[in-house]
C-alpha atoms as a PDB file:
ATOM      1  CA  MET A   1      42.879  74.399  74.092  1.00  0.00           C
ATOM      2  CA  ARG A   2      46.148  72.546  74.637  1.00  0.00           C
ATOM      3  CA  ARG A   3      47.893  70.680  71.918  1.00  0.00           C
ATOM      4  CA  ARG A   4      49.666  67.434  72.490  1.00  0.00           C
ATOM      5  CA  GLY A   5      53.456  67.700  72.804  1.00  0.00           C
ATOM      6  CA  ASP A   6      53.456  71.112  74.509  1.00  0.00           C
ATOM      7  CA  GLU A   7      53.982  69.689  77.979  1.00  0.00           C
ATOM      8  CA  GLY A   8      57.506  70.165  79.353  1.00  0.00           C
ATOM      9  CA  SER A   9      58.661  72.758  76.824  1.00  0.00           C
ATOM     10  CA  VAL A  10      59.095  75.376  79.574  1.00  0.00           C
ATOM     11  CA  ILE A  11      61.639  73.318  81.513  1.00  0.00           C
ATOM     12  CA  PRO A  12      64.484  73.667  78.936  1.00  0.00           C
ATOM     13  CA  LEU A  13      63.783  77.391  78.758  1.00  0.00           C
ATOM     14  CA  ILE A  14      64.014  77.773  82.549  1.00  0.00           C
ATOM     15  CA  LEU A  15      67.215  75.697  82.657  1.00  0.00           C
ATOM     16  CA  GLY A  16      68.729  77.832  79.885  1.00  0.00           C
ATOM     17  CA  PHE A  17      67.958  81.069  81.723  1.00  0.00           C
ATOM     18  CA  PHE A  18      69.336  79.590  84.948  1.00  0.00           C
ATOM     19  CA  LEU A  19      72.594  78.674  83.173  1.00  0.00           C
ATOM     20  CA  ILE A  20      72.901  82.171  81.701  1.00  0.00           C
ATOM     21  CA  ALA A  21      72.257  83.732  85.124  1.00  0.00           C
ATOM     22  CA  LEU A  22      74.902  81.468  86.677  1.00  0.00           C
ATOM     23  CA  ILE A  23      77.484  82.525  84.094  1.00  0.00           C
ATOM     24  CA  VAL A  24      76.664  86.225  84.578  1.00  0.00           C
ATOM     25  CA  VAL A  25      76.925  85.966  88.382  1.00  0.00           C
ATOM     26  CA  GLY A  26      80.141  83.928  88.154  1.00  0.00           C
ATOM     27  CA  GLY A  27      81.649  86.430  85.738  1.00  0.00           C
ATOM     28  CA  SER A  28      80.691  89.343  87.976  1.00  0.00           C
ATOM     29  CA  VAL A  29      82.294  87.679  91.001  1.00  0.00           C
ATOM     30  CA  ALA A  30      85.454  86.898  89.016  1.00  0.00           C
ATOM     31  CA  LEU A  31      85.733  90.462  87.668  1.00  0.00           C
ATOM     32  CA  GLY A  32      85.100  91.946  91.107  1.00  0.00           C
ATOM     33  CA  GLN A  33      87.753  89.725  92.648  1.00  0.00           C
ATOM     34  CA  ALA A  34      90.229  90.632  89.886  1.00  0.00           C
ATOM     35  CA  PHE A  35      89.639  94.325  90.610  1.00  0.00           C
ATOM     36  CA  VAL A  36      90.219  93.812  94.351  1.00  0.00           C
ATOM     37  CA  GLN A  37      93.402  91.821  93.681  1.00  0.00           C
ATOM     38  CA  GLN A  38      94.706  94.589  91.399  1.00  0.00           C
ATOM     39  CA  ARG A  39      94.071  97.205  94.099  1.00  0.00           C
ATOM     40  CA  GLU A  40      95.846  95.033  96.695  1.00  0.00           C
ATOM     41  CA  LEU A  41      98.884  94.669  94.421  1.00  0.00           C
ATOM     42  CA  GLN A  42      98.944  98.427  93.786  1.00  0.00           C
ATOM     43  CA  ASP A  43      98.875  99.049  97.562  1.00  0.00           C
ATOM     44  CA  VAL A  44     101.758  96.616  98.119  1.00  0.00           C
ATOM     45  CA  CYS A  45     103.748  98.151  95.267  1.00  0.00           C
ATOM     46  CA  ASP A  46     103.186 101.689  96.617  1.00  0.00           C
ATOM     47  CA  GLY A  47     104.282 100.644 100.097  1.00  0.00           C
ATOM     48  CA  ALA A  48     107.375  98.864  98.800  1.00  0.00           C
ATOM     49  CA  ALA A  49     108.408 101.900  96.736  1.00  0.00           C
ATOM     50  CA  VAL A  50     108.049 104.254  99.711  1.00  0.00           C
ATOM     51  CA  ALA A  51     109.902 101.821 101.987  1.00  0.00           C
ATOM     52  CA  ALA A  52     112.660 101.480  99.412  1.00  0.00           C
ATOM     53  CA  ALA A  53     113.060 105.231  99.002  1.00  0.00           C
ATOM     54  CA  ALA A  54     113.142 105.821 102.753  1.00  0.00           C
ATOM     55  CA  GLY A  55     115.325 102.805 103.488  1.00  0.00           C
ATOM     56  CA  ALA A  56     117.792 103.506 100.708  1.00  0.00           C
ATOM     57  CA  ALA A  57     118.179 107.144 101.741  1.00  0.00           C
ATOM     58  CA  ASP A  58     118.724 106.118 105.383  1.00  0.00           C
ATOM     59  CA  LEU A  59     121.307 103.533 104.331  1.00  0.00           C
ATOM     60  CA  ASP A  60     123.121 106.150 102.234  1.00  0.00           C
ATOM     61  CA  ARG A  61     123.370 108.458 105.236  1.00  0.00           C
ATOM     62  CA  ALA A  62     124.698 105.589 107.354  1.00  0.00           C
ATOM     63  CA  ASP A  63     127.375 105.054 104.686  1.00  0.00           C
ATOM     64  CA  GLY A  64     128.581 108.608 105.197  1.00  0.00           C
ATOM     65  CA  THR A  65     127.051 110.086 102.057  1.00  0.00           C
ATOM     66  CA  ASP A  66     124.713 113.055 102.063  1.00  0.00           C
ATOM     67  CA  GLY A  67     121.552 110.978 101.525  1.00  0.00           C
ATOM     68  CA  ARG A  68     120.481 113.054  98.515  1.00  0.00           C
ATOM     69  CA  SER A  69     120.737 110.167  96.063  1.00  0.00           C
ATOM     70  CA  LEU A  70     119.642 106.572  96.152  1.00  0.00           C
ATOM     71  CA  ARG A  71     121.713 103.518  95.535  1.00  0.00           C
ATOM     72  CA  PHE A  72     120.302 100.665  93.501  1.00  0.00           C
ATOM     73  CA  ALA A  73     121.492  97.863  95.809  1.00  0.00           C
ATOM     74  CA  HIS A  74     119.973  99.574  98.844  1.00  0.00           C
ATOM     75  CA  ALA A  75     116.674 100.061  97.067  1.00  0.00           C
ATOM     76  CA  GLU A  76     116.520  96.390  96.031  1.00  0.00           C
ATOM     77  CA  GLN A  77     117.293  95.292  99.600  1.00  0.00           C
ATOM     78  CA  ALA A  78     114.587  97.544 101.027  1.00  0.00           C
ATOM     79  CA  VAL A  79     111.975  96.244  98.554  1.00  0.00           C
ATOM     80  CA  ALA A  80     112.884  92.617  99.301  1.00  0.00           C
ATOM     81  CA  ALA A  81     112.680  93.256 103.060  1.00  0.00           C
ATOM     82  CA  TYR A  82     109.279  94.947 102.686  1.00  0.00           C
ATOM     83  CA  LEU A  83     107.860  92.069 100.642  1.00  0.00           C
ATOM     84  CA  ARG A  84     109.158  89.468 103.137  1.00  0.00           C
ATOM     85  CA  ARG A  85     107.417  91.102 106.114  1.00  0.00           C
ATOM     86  CA  ASP A  86     103.932  89.859 105.271  1.00  0.00           C
ATOM     87  CA  PRO A  87     103.141  86.313 104.050  1.00  0.00           C
ATOM     88  CA  SER A  88     100.282  87.660 101.901  1.00  0.00           C
ATOM     89  CA  ARG A  89     102.888  89.407  99.726  1.00  0.00           C
ATOM     90  CA  ARG A  90     104.407  86.133  98.583  1.00  0.00           C
ATOM     91  CA  GLY A  91     104.422  85.722  94.857  1.00  0.00           C
ATOM     92  CA  VAL A  92     104.900  89.443  94.182  1.00  0.00           C
ATOM     93  CA  ARG A  93     107.753  89.883  91.724  1.00  0.00           C
ATOM     94  CA  SER A  94     109.378  93.283  91.541  1.00  0.00           C
ATOM     95  CA  THR A  95     111.770  95.168  89.313  1.00  0.00           C
ATOM     96  CA  VAL A  96     113.504  98.240  90.723  1.00  0.00           C
ATOM     97  CA  ARG A  97     114.807 101.127  88.617  1.00  0.00           C
ATOM     98  CA  LEU A  98     116.309 104.427  89.663  1.00  0.00           C
ATOM     99  CA  SER A  99     115.594 107.676  87.871  1.00  0.00           C
ATOM    100  CA  ALA A 100     118.429 109.491  86.096  1.00  0.00           C
ATOM    101  CA  ASP A 101     118.760 111.987  88.955  1.00  0.00           C
ATOM    102  CA  ARG A 102     118.859 109.071  91.450  1.00  0.00           C
ATOM    103  CA  GLU A 103     116.161 110.707  93.574  1.00  0.00           C
ATOM    104  CA  ARG A 104     113.209 108.554  92.525  1.00  0.00           C
ATOM    105  CA  ILE A 105     112.558 104.838  92.617  1.00  0.00           C
ATOM    106  CA  VAL A 106     110.370 103.319  89.920  1.00  0.00           C
ATOM    107  CA  LEU A 107     109.054  99.945  91.006  1.00  0.00           C
ATOM    108  CA  HIS A 108     107.250  97.499  88.714  1.00  0.00           C
ATOM    109  CA  CYS A 109     105.344  94.709  90.484  1.00  0.00           C
ATOM    110  CA  THR A 110     103.655  91.640  89.006  1.00  0.00           C
ATOM    111  CA  GLN A 111     101.680  88.864  90.634  1.00  0.00           C
ATOM    112  CA  THR A 112      99.723  85.896  89.288  1.00  0.00           C
ATOM    113  CA  ARG A 113      96.610  85.125  91.343  1.00  0.00           C
ATOM    114  CA  ARG A 114      93.821  82.575  91.123  1.00  0.00           C
ATOM    115  CA  LEU A 115      90.305  83.846  90.473  1.00  0.00           C
ATOM    116  CA  PRO A 116      87.428  82.208  92.312  1.00  0.00           C
ATOM    117  CA  LEU A 117      84.796  81.222  89.757  1.00  0.00           C
ATOM    118  CA  GLY A 118      87.223  82.368  87.077  1.00  0.00           C
ATOM    119  CA  SER A 119      86.871  79.074  85.249  1.00  0.00           C
ATOM    120  CA  LEU A 120      83.257  80.010  84.491  1.00  0.00           C
ATOM    121  CA  VAL A 121      84.510  82.856  82.315  1.00  0.00           C
ATOM    122  CA  GLY A 122      87.441  80.927  80.884  1.00  0.00           C
ATOM    123  CA  ARG A 123      90.283  82.126  83.139  1.00  0.00           C
ATOM    124  CA  GLY A 124      91.439  80.376  86.272  1.00  0.00           C
ATOM    125  CA  THR A 125      94.288  82.828  86.936  1.00  0.00           C
ATOM    126  CA  VAL A 126      95.155  86.386  86.032  1.00  0.00           C
ATOM    127  CA  GLU A 127      98.448  88.288  86.062  1.00  0.00           C
ATOM    128  CA  HIS A 128      98.271  91.701  87.686  1.00  0.00           C
ATOM    129  CA  ARG A 129     100.807  94.484  87.066  1.00  0.00           C
ATOM    130  CA  ALA A 130     101.377  97.672  89.022  1.00  0.00           C
ATOM    131  CA  THR A 131     103.892 100.509  88.859  1.00  0.00           C
ATOM    132  CA  SER A 132     104.809 102.878  91.675  1.00  0.00           C
ATOM    133  CA  THR A 133     107.182 105.801  92.020  1.00  0.00           C
ATOM    134  CA  ALA A 134     108.630 107.225  95.221  1.00  0.00           C
ATOM    135  CA  ARG A 135     110.999 110.126  95.724  1.00  0.00           C
ATOM    136  CA  ALA A 136     113.893 109.939  98.140  1.00  0.00           C
ATOM    137  CA  ALA A 137     113.766 112.165 101.174  1.00  0.00           C
ATOM    138  CA  VAL A 138     116.017 115.166 100.673  1.00  0.00           C
ATOM    139  CA  PHE A 139     118.074 116.002 103.703  1.00  0.00           C
ATOM    140  CA  GLY A 140     119.200 119.556 104.166  1.00  0.00           C
END
């Protein structure tokens, strides 16, 4: 036997569950995209560090040195050239450091990217950070 006033009480419940499902799906998409963006930045940072180590060592040899140590200015130039090659690398900020023995480059990269559906979980953008190390080629 139905009581009066029970009609329509399922509709708010269904709408509530739909809203919760939408937030969960939106959050999953945003987190997945953030993970992919972080991996892309790590790949770019790794490539820039390797290019800097190889380019700086080659430039040192062209300068008449033995190529066993890196020079800071050459490393910075090589990183900047690597990041300029591809338009998708725009917005990547980098900081170059040389190790004490001047045989390794330590590169810190940061990039702020927009997250699709990120506003559903409270964040429209996220800042990614990556660090890469590359050793200079040792010439015999």
